[in-house]
Amino acid sequence: MRTTIDLPDTLARQAKLTAVHRGMKFKELVSRALEHEIGRRTVEPGAKSIRFPLVRSSKPGQYRLSPAKVHDILIREETAAYEAAERR
């Protein structure tokens, strides 16, 4: 698709030089830049940042849990919740 955009002269020159140095066409550089920018994860206005760990511990690293152990714990918890719901 053809389109026309107005770029500041300095930015246009930098983009053209960058394309030449990378051995690509200007339109390819612009396409890649747009794909990169559009593909970035956008943050919703008012969204809060999450810091890890989500659960704080007074003794971090106390439990040595492998992925298999975590899986077993989750299965047991899910089974217990299901059984409790069945009893209701």
C-alpha atoms as a PDB file:
ATOM      1  CA  MET A   1       0.000   0.000   0.000  1.00  0.00           C
ATOM      2  CA  ARG A   2       1.280   3.438  -0.820  1.00  0.00           C
ATOM      3  CA  THR A   3       1.031   6.182   1.759  1.00  0.00           C
ATOM      4  CA  THR A   4       2.589   9.548   2.432  1.00  0.00           C
ATOM      5  CA  ILE A   5       3.932  10.568   5.810  1.00  0.00           C
ATOM      6  CA  ASP A   6       5.646  13.760   6.926  1.00  0.00           C
ATOM      7  CA  LEU A   7       8.819  13.129   8.903  1.00  0.00           C
ATOM      8  CA  PRO A   8      11.141  15.671  10.444  1.00  0.00           C
ATOM      9  CA  ASP A   9      14.121  16.161   8.102  1.00  0.00           C
ATOM     10  CA  THR A  10      16.619  14.929  10.686  1.00  0.00           C
ATOM     11  CA  LEU A  11      14.659  11.743  11.369  1.00  0.00           C
ATOM     12  CA  ALA A  12      14.209  11.036   7.656  1.00  0.00           C
ATOM     13  CA  ARG A  13      17.961  11.449   7.049  1.00  0.00           C
ATOM     14  CA  GLN A  14      18.824   9.212  10.005  1.00  0.00           C
ATOM     15  CA  ALA A  15      16.387   6.565   8.795  1.00  0.00           C
ATOM     16  CA  LYS A  16      17.785   6.648   5.257  1.00  0.00           C
ATOM     17  CA  LEU A  17      21.366   6.368   6.554  1.00  0.00           C
ATOM     18  CA  THR A  18      20.387   3.514   8.852  1.00  0.00           C
ATOM     19  CA  ALA A  19      18.761   1.675   5.954  1.00  0.00           C
ATOM     20  CA  VAL A  20      21.896   2.105   3.821  1.00  0.00           C
ATOM     21  CA  HIS A  21      24.166   0.894   6.645  1.00  0.00           C
ATOM     22  CA  ARG A  22      21.959  -2.154   7.163  1.00  0.00           C
ATOM     23  CA  GLY A  23      21.793  -2.885   3.448  1.00  0.00           C
ATOM     24  CA  MET A  24      18.038  -2.515   3.196  1.00  0.00           C
ATOM     25  CA  LYS A  25      15.562  -0.270   1.479  1.00  0.00           C
ATOM     26  CA  PHE A  26      14.090   2.703   3.312  1.00  0.00           C
ATOM     27  CA  LYS A  27      10.571   1.259   3.045  1.00  0.00           C
ATOM     28  CA  GLU A  28      11.781  -2.018   4.576  1.00  0.00           C
ATOM     29  CA  LEU A  29      13.296  -0.151   7.534  1.00  0.00           C
ATOM     30  CA  VAL A  30      10.086   1.829   8.049  1.00  0.00           C
ATOM     31  CA  SER A  31       7.975  -1.346   7.778  1.00  0.00           C
ATOM     32  CA  ARG A  32      10.114  -3.143  10.351  1.00  0.00           C
ATOM     33  CA  ALA A  33      10.041  -0.153  12.683  1.00  0.00           C
ATOM     34  CA  LEU A  34       6.245   0.031  12.452  1.00  0.00           C
ATOM     35  CA  GLU A  35       5.864  -3.726  12.986  1.00  0.00           C
ATOM     36  CA  HIS A  36       8.101  -3.504  16.039  1.00  0.00           C
ATOM     37  CA  GLU A  37       6.228  -0.551  17.500  1.00  0.00           C
ATOM     38  CA  ILE A  38       2.781  -1.970  16.791  1.00  0.00           C
ATOM     39  CA  GLY A  39       3.781  -5.389  18.107  1.00  0.00           C
ATOM     40  CA  ARG A  40       4.910  -4.007  21.453  1.00  0.00           C
ATOM     41  CA  ARG A  41       2.738  -4.814  24.426  1.00  0.00           C
ATOM     42  CA  THR A  42       0.655  -1.809  25.282  1.00  0.00           C
ATOM     43  CA  VAL A  43      -0.196  -0.913  28.848  1.00  0.00           C
ATOM     44  CA  GLU A  44      -3.754   0.052  29.610  1.00  0.00           C
ATOM     45  CA  PRO A  45      -4.168   3.538  31.087  1.00  0.00           C
ATOM     46  CA  GLY A  46      -4.319   3.272  34.856  1.00  0.00           C
ATOM     47  CA  ALA A  47      -2.826  -0.232  34.880  1.00  0.00           C
ATOM     48  CA  LYS A  48      -0.672  -1.025  37.879  1.00  0.00           C
ATOM     49  CA  SER A  49       2.776  -2.551  37.597  1.00  0.00           C
ATOM     50  CA  ILE A  50       3.203  -5.966  39.189  1.00  0.00           C
ATOM     51  CA  ARG A  51       6.316  -6.742  41.171  1.00  0.00           C
ATOM     52  CA  PHE A  52       7.515 -10.257  41.789  1.00  0.00           C
ATOM     53  CA  PRO A  53       7.317 -12.263  43.923  1.00  0.00           C
ATOM     54  CA  LEU A  54       3.574 -11.874  44.196  1.00  0.00           C
ATOM     55  CA  VAL A  55       3.608 -13.583  47.582  1.00  0.00           C
ATOM     56  CA  ARG A  56       6.171 -12.258  50.015  1.00  0.00           C
ATOM     57  CA  SER A  57       7.883 -14.618  52.430  1.00  0.00           C
ATOM     58  CA  SER A  58       9.631 -13.987  55.709  1.00  0.00           C
ATOM     59  CA  LYS A  59      12.024 -16.789  54.718  1.00  0.00           C
ATOM     60  CA  PRO A  60      12.535 -16.610  50.934  1.00  0.00           C
ATOM     61  CA  GLY A  61      13.896 -19.794  49.416  1.00  0.00           C
ATOM     62  CA  GLN A  62      12.792 -21.855  52.418  1.00  0.00           C
ATOM     63  CA  TYR A  63      10.965 -24.330  50.216  1.00  0.00           C
ATOM     64  CA  ARG A  64      12.840 -26.087  47.455  1.00  0.00           C
ATOM     65  CA  LEU A  65      10.027 -26.750  45.030  1.00  0.00           C
ATOM     66  CA  SER A  66      10.589 -28.352  41.673  1.00  0.00           C
ATOM     67  CA  PRO A  67       8.074 -27.846  38.878  1.00  0.00           C
ATOM     68  CA  ALA A  68       6.904 -31.439  39.459  1.00  0.00           C
ATOM     69  CA  LYS A  69       6.338 -30.768  43.173  1.00  0.00           C
ATOM     70  CA  VAL A  70       4.357 -27.590  42.396  1.00  0.00           C
ATOM     71  CA  HIS A  71       2.283 -29.593  39.894  1.00  0.00           C
ATOM     72  CA  ASP A  72       1.539 -32.258  42.531  1.00  0.00           C
ATOM     73  CA  ILE A  73       0.501 -29.620  45.085  1.00  0.00           C
ATOM     74  CA  LEU A  74      -1.813 -27.924  42.591  1.00  0.00           C
ATOM     75  CA  ILE A  75      -3.403 -31.246  41.593  1.00  0.00           C
ATOM     76  CA  ARG A  76      -4.022 -32.122  45.258  1.00  0.00           C
ATOM     77  CA  GLU A  77      -5.579 -28.702  45.916  1.00  0.00           C
ATOM     78  CA  GLU A  78      -7.771 -28.914  42.829  1.00  0.00           C
ATOM     79  CA  THR A  79      -8.865 -32.455  43.731  1.00  0.00           C
ATOM     80  CA  ALA A  80      -9.726 -31.398  47.288  1.00  0.00           C
ATOM     81  CA  ALA A  81     -11.753 -28.426  46.014  1.00  0.00           C
ATOM     82  CA  TYR A  82     -13.602 -30.649  43.542  1.00  0.00           C
ATOM     83  CA  GLU A  83     -14.382 -33.245  46.231  1.00  0.00           C
ATOM     84  CA  ALA A  84     -15.621 -30.525  48.598  1.00  0.00           C
ATOM     85  CA  ALA A  85     -17.909 -29.167  45.884  1.00  0.00           C
ATOM     86  CA  GLU A  86     -19.264 -32.665  45.196  1.00  0.00           C
ATOM     87  CA  ARG A  87     -20.198 -33.077  48.881  1.00  0.00           C
ATOM     88  CA  ARG A  88     -22.382 -29.957  48.819  1.00  0.00           C
END
